[in-house]
Amino acid sequence: MHLIEIMWNGLGGMGSGTVVLKMCFMLFLVGLLWVAGEFAKHVVTVGSRLVTDALRYLAVMVRGWPEGTESKRSEDK
């Protein structure tokens, strides 16, 4: 955060283009935050799928395979 503040204050005395430069800097920071949010969303989605599959596998290991599932599948075909 201190680095961002140093960069923001350093853009202050550059003349007439300072406002445009600060707007570009803010857009860059917003874009960076957006990319970080999308990455976090992807990690959460993939992690939740992995946890769900692991829990299903654990349930099959603990309780055993459900009875009658194989016969119903063969009758459906």
N, C-alpha and C. Protein backbone atom coordinates (compact mmCIF):
# COMPACT_ATOMS: atom_id res chain seq x y z
N MET A 1 0.83 -1.19 0.00
CA MET A 1 0.00 0.00 0.00
C MET A 1 0.87 1.25 0.00
N HIS A 2 1.97 1.19 0.72
CA HIS A 2 2.87 2.34 0.77
C HIS A 2 3.46 2.64 -0.61
N LEU A 3 3.76 1.59 -1.35
CA LEU A 3 4.29 1.76 -2.70
C LEU A 3 3.29 2.45 -3.61
N ILE A 4 2.02 2.08 -3.50
CA ILE A 4 0.97 2.73 -4.30
C ILE A 4 0.86 4.19 -3.92
N GLU A 5 0.94 4.50 -2.64
CA GLU A 5 0.87 5.89 -2.20
C GLU A 5 2.05 6.70 -2.72
N ILE A 6 3.24 6.12 -2.71
CA ILE A 6 4.42 6.82 -3.24
C ILE A 6 4.24 7.10 -4.73
N MET A 7 3.74 6.10 -5.47
CA MET A 7 3.52 6.30 -6.90
C MET A 7 2.45 7.36 -7.14
N TRP A 8 1.37 7.34 -6.37
CA TRP A 8 0.28 8.30 -6.54
C TRP A 8 0.76 9.72 -6.26
N ASN A 9 1.52 9.90 -5.19
CA ASN A 9 2.02 11.24 -4.86
C ASN A 9 3.08 11.69 -5.85
N GLY A 10 3.81 10.76 -6.43
CA GLY A 10 4.82 11.12 -7.42
C GLY A 10 4.23 11.63 -8.72
N LEU A 11 2.97 11.31 -8.99
CA LEU A 11 2.32 11.75 -10.21
C LEU A 11 1.74 13.16 -10.07
N GLY A 12 1.90 13.78 -8.93
CA GLY A 12 1.25 15.06 -8.66
C GLY A 12 1.82 16.25 -9.41
N GLY A 13 3.12 16.38 -9.55
CA GLY A 13 3.67 17.60 -10.09
C GLY A 13 4.19 17.47 -11.51
N MET A 14 3.48 16.79 -12.36
CA MET A 14 3.97 16.55 -13.71
C MET A 14 3.34 17.45 -14.76
N GLY A 15 2.54 18.41 -14.39
CA GLY A 15 1.97 19.33 -15.37
C GLY A 15 0.54 19.01 -15.75
N SER A 16 0.16 19.38 -16.97
CA SER A 16 -1.24 19.32 -17.39
C SER A 16 -1.72 17.88 -17.63
N GLY A 17 -0.84 16.95 -17.93
CA GLY A 17 -1.26 15.57 -18.20
C GLY A 17 -1.40 14.72 -16.96
N THR A 18 -1.30 15.34 -15.79
CA THR A 18 -1.33 14.59 -14.54
C THR A 18 -2.67 13.90 -14.32
N VAL A 19 -3.76 14.57 -14.66
CA VAL A 19 -5.09 14.01 -14.43
C VAL A 19 -5.27 12.75 -15.28
N VAL A 20 -4.86 12.81 -16.53
CA VAL A 20 -4.99 11.65 -17.41
C VAL A 20 -4.09 10.51 -16.92
N LEU A 21 -2.90 10.86 -16.46
CA LEU A 21 -1.98 9.86 -15.96
C LEU A 21 -2.52 9.19 -14.70
N LYS A 22 -3.12 9.98 -13.82
CA LYS A 22 -3.72 9.42 -12.61
C LYS A 22 -4.92 8.55 -12.95
N MET A 23 -5.70 8.92 -13.96
CA MET A 23 -6.83 8.10 -14.37
C MET A 23 -6.35 6.76 -14.93
N CYS A 24 -5.28 6.79 -15.72
CA CYS A 24 -4.72 5.54 -16.24
C CYS A 24 -4.19 4.67 -15.12
N PHE A 25 -3.57 5.29 -14.13
CA PHE A 25 -3.06 4.55 -12.98
C PHE A 25 -4.20 3.90 -12.21
N MET A 26 -5.30 4.63 -12.02
CA MET A 26 -6.45 4.08 -11.32
C MET A 26 -7.08 2.94 -12.12
N LEU A 27 -7.18 3.08 -13.44
CA LEU A 27 -7.71 2.01 -14.26
C LEU A 27 -6.83 0.76 -14.19
N PHE A 28 -5.52 0.97 -14.15
CA PHE A 28 -4.60 -0.14 -14.01
C PHE A 28 -4.83 -0.87 -12.68
N LEU A 29 -4.98 -0.11 -11.60
CA LEU A 29 -5.22 -0.73 -10.29
C LEU A 29 -6.55 -1.47 -10.25
N VAL A 30 -7.58 -0.90 -10.86
CA VAL A 30 -8.89 -1.57 -10.90
C VAL A 30 -8.79 -2.85 -11.72
N GLY A 31 -8.09 -2.80 -12.84
CA GLY A 31 -7.90 -3.99 -13.66
C GLY A 31 -7.14 -5.07 -12.92
N LEU A 32 -6.12 -4.66 -12.19
CA LEU A 32 -5.35 -5.61 -11.40
C LEU A 32 -6.21 -6.26 -10.32
N LEU A 33 -7.05 -5.47 -9.67
CA LEU A 33 -7.96 -6.00 -8.66
C LEU A 33 -8.98 -6.95 -9.29
N TRP A 34 -9.47 -6.62 -10.47
CA TRP A 34 -10.43 -7.46 -11.17
C TRP A 34 -9.81 -8.82 -11.52
N VAL A 35 -8.59 -8.80 -12.05
CA VAL A 35 -7.91 -10.05 -12.40
C VAL A 35 -7.68 -10.89 -11.14
N ALA A 36 -7.29 -10.26 -10.05
CA ALA A 36 -7.08 -11.00 -8.81
C ALA A 36 -8.39 -11.61 -8.31
N GLY A 37 -9.49 -10.88 -8.45
CA GLY A 37 -10.80 -11.41 -8.05
C GLY A 37 -11.24 -12.59 -8.90
N GLU A 38 -11.03 -12.49 -10.21
CA GLU A 38 -11.38 -13.59 -11.10
C GLU A 38 -10.53 -14.83 -10.80
N PHE A 39 -9.26 -14.62 -10.50
CA PHE A 39 -8.39 -15.74 -10.15
C PHE A 39 -8.86 -16.40 -8.86
N ALA A 40 -9.20 -15.58 -7.87
CA ALA A 40 -9.70 -16.13 -6.60
C ALA A 40 -11.00 -16.90 -6.82
N LYS A 41 -11.88 -16.38 -7.68
CA LYS A 41 -13.14 -17.07 -7.97
C LYS A 41 -12.86 -18.43 -8.63
N HIS A 42 -11.91 -18.46 -9.54
CA HIS A 42 -11.55 -19.71 -10.21
C HIS A 42 -10.97 -20.72 -9.22
N VAL A 43 -10.09 -20.24 -8.33
CA VAL A 43 -9.49 -21.14 -7.34
C VAL A 43 -10.57 -21.70 -6.41
N VAL A 44 -11.52 -20.89 -6.01
CA VAL A 44 -12.59 -21.35 -5.13
C VAL A 44 -13.47 -22.37 -5.85
N THR A 45 -13.78 -22.11 -7.12
CA THR A 45 -14.61 -23.04 -7.89
C THR A 45 -13.94 -24.39 -8.05
N VAL A 46 -12.68 -24.38 -8.47
CA VAL A 46 -11.95 -25.63 -8.65
C VAL A 46 -11.76 -26.34 -7.32
N GLY A 47 -11.43 -25.59 -6.28
CA GLY A 47 -11.24 -26.19 -4.96
C GLY A 47 -12.52 -26.83 -4.42
N SER A 48 -13.65 -26.17 -4.64
CA SER A 48 -14.91 -26.74 -4.15
C SER A 48 -15.27 -28.01 -4.91
N ARG A 49 -14.97 -28.05 -6.22
CA ARG A 49 -15.22 -29.28 -6.98
C ARG A 49 -14.32 -30.42 -6.49
N LEU A 50 -13.06 -30.11 -6.22
CA LEU A 50 -12.16 -31.13 -5.71
C LEU A 50 -12.60 -31.65 -4.34
N VAL A 51 -13.01 -30.74 -3.47
CA VAL A 51 -13.48 -31.15 -2.14
C VAL A 51 -14.74 -31.99 -2.25
N THR A 52 -15.65 -31.61 -3.13
CA THR A 52 -16.88 -32.37 -3.32
C THR A 52 -16.58 -33.78 -3.81
N ASP A 53 -15.70 -33.90 -4.80
CA ASP A 53 -15.33 -35.23 -5.30
C ASP A 53 -14.63 -36.06 -4.23
N ALA A 54 -13.78 -35.42 -3.44
CA ALA A 54 -13.08 -36.15 -2.38
C ALA A 54 -14.07 -36.64 -1.32
N LEU A 55 -15.04 -35.82 -0.98
CA LEU A 55 -16.04 -36.24 0.02
C LEU A 55 -16.93 -37.35 -0.52
N ARG A 56 -17.26 -37.31 -1.81
CA ARG A 56 -18.04 -38.40 -2.40
C ARG A 56 -17.24 -39.70 -2.37
N TYR A 57 -15.98 -39.62 -2.72
CA TYR A 57 -15.12 -40.80 -2.69
C TYR A 57 -15.01 -41.35 -1.27
N LEU A 58 -14.87 -40.45 -0.30
CA LEU A 58 -14.78 -40.87 1.10
C LEU A 58 -16.08 -41.53 1.55
N ALA A 59 -17.21 -40.99 1.11
CA ALA A 59 -18.51 -41.58 1.48
C ALA A 59 -18.64 -42.98 0.91
N VAL A 60 -18.18 -43.19 -0.33
CA VAL A 60 -18.24 -44.52 -0.92
C VAL A 60 -17.32 -45.47 -0.17
N MET A 61 -16.16 -44.97 0.24
CA MET A 61 -15.23 -45.82 0.98
C MET A 61 -15.80 -46.22 2.34
N VAL A 62 -16.45 -45.28 3.02
CA VAL A 62 -16.96 -45.55 4.37
C VAL A 62 -18.23 -46.40 4.33
N ARG A 63 -19.19 -46.03 3.48
CA ARG A 63 -20.47 -46.73 3.45
C ARG A 63 -20.51 -47.89 2.48
N GLY A 64 -19.60 -47.92 1.55
CA GLY A 64 -19.64 -48.94 0.51
C GLY A 64 -20.47 -48.47 -0.66
N TRP A 65 -20.36 -49.20 -1.75
CA TRP A 65 -21.11 -48.83 -2.95
C TRP A 65 -22.59 -49.09 -2.72
N PRO A 66 -23.48 -48.20 -3.15
CA PRO A 66 -24.92 -48.39 -2.93
C PRO A 66 -25.42 -49.68 -3.58
N GLU A 67 -26.30 -50.37 -2.88
CA GLU A 67 -26.84 -51.64 -3.36
C GLU A 67 -27.81 -51.40 -4.52
N GLY A 68 -27.76 -52.26 -5.49
CA GLY A 68 -28.73 -52.22 -6.59
C GLY A 68 -28.43 -51.19 -7.66
N THR A 69 -27.38 -50.47 -7.54
CA THR A 69 -27.09 -49.43 -8.53
C THR A 69 -26.66 -50.04 -9.85
N GLU A 70 -25.87 -51.10 -9.80
CA GLU A 70 -25.38 -51.72 -11.03
C GLU A 70 -26.52 -52.38 -11.80
N SER A 71 -27.46 -53.02 -11.09
CA SER A 71 -28.56 -53.70 -11.78
C SER A 71 -29.50 -52.69 -12.43
N LYS A 72 -29.72 -51.56 -11.79
CA LYS A 72 -30.59 -50.53 -12.39
C LYS A 72 -29.95 -49.96 -13.63
N ARG A 73 -28.64 -49.77 -13.62
CA ARG A 73 -27.98 -49.22 -14.79
C ARG A 73 -28.04 -50.21 -15.95
N SER A 74 -27.89 -51.49 -15.68
CA SER A 74 -27.94 -52.47 -16.77
C SER A 74 -29.35 -52.62 -17.32
N GLU A 75 -30.38 -52.43 -16.48
CA GLU A 75 -31.76 -52.50 -16.96
C GLU A 75 -32.11 -51.30 -17.82
N ASP A 76 -31.52 -50.13 -17.51
CA ASP A 76 -31.82 -48.92 -18.28
C ASP A 76 -31.29 -49.02 -19.70
N LYS A 77 -30.24 -49.76 -19.92
CA LYS A 77 -29.61 -49.83 -21.26
C LYS A 77 -30.33 -50.72 -22.18
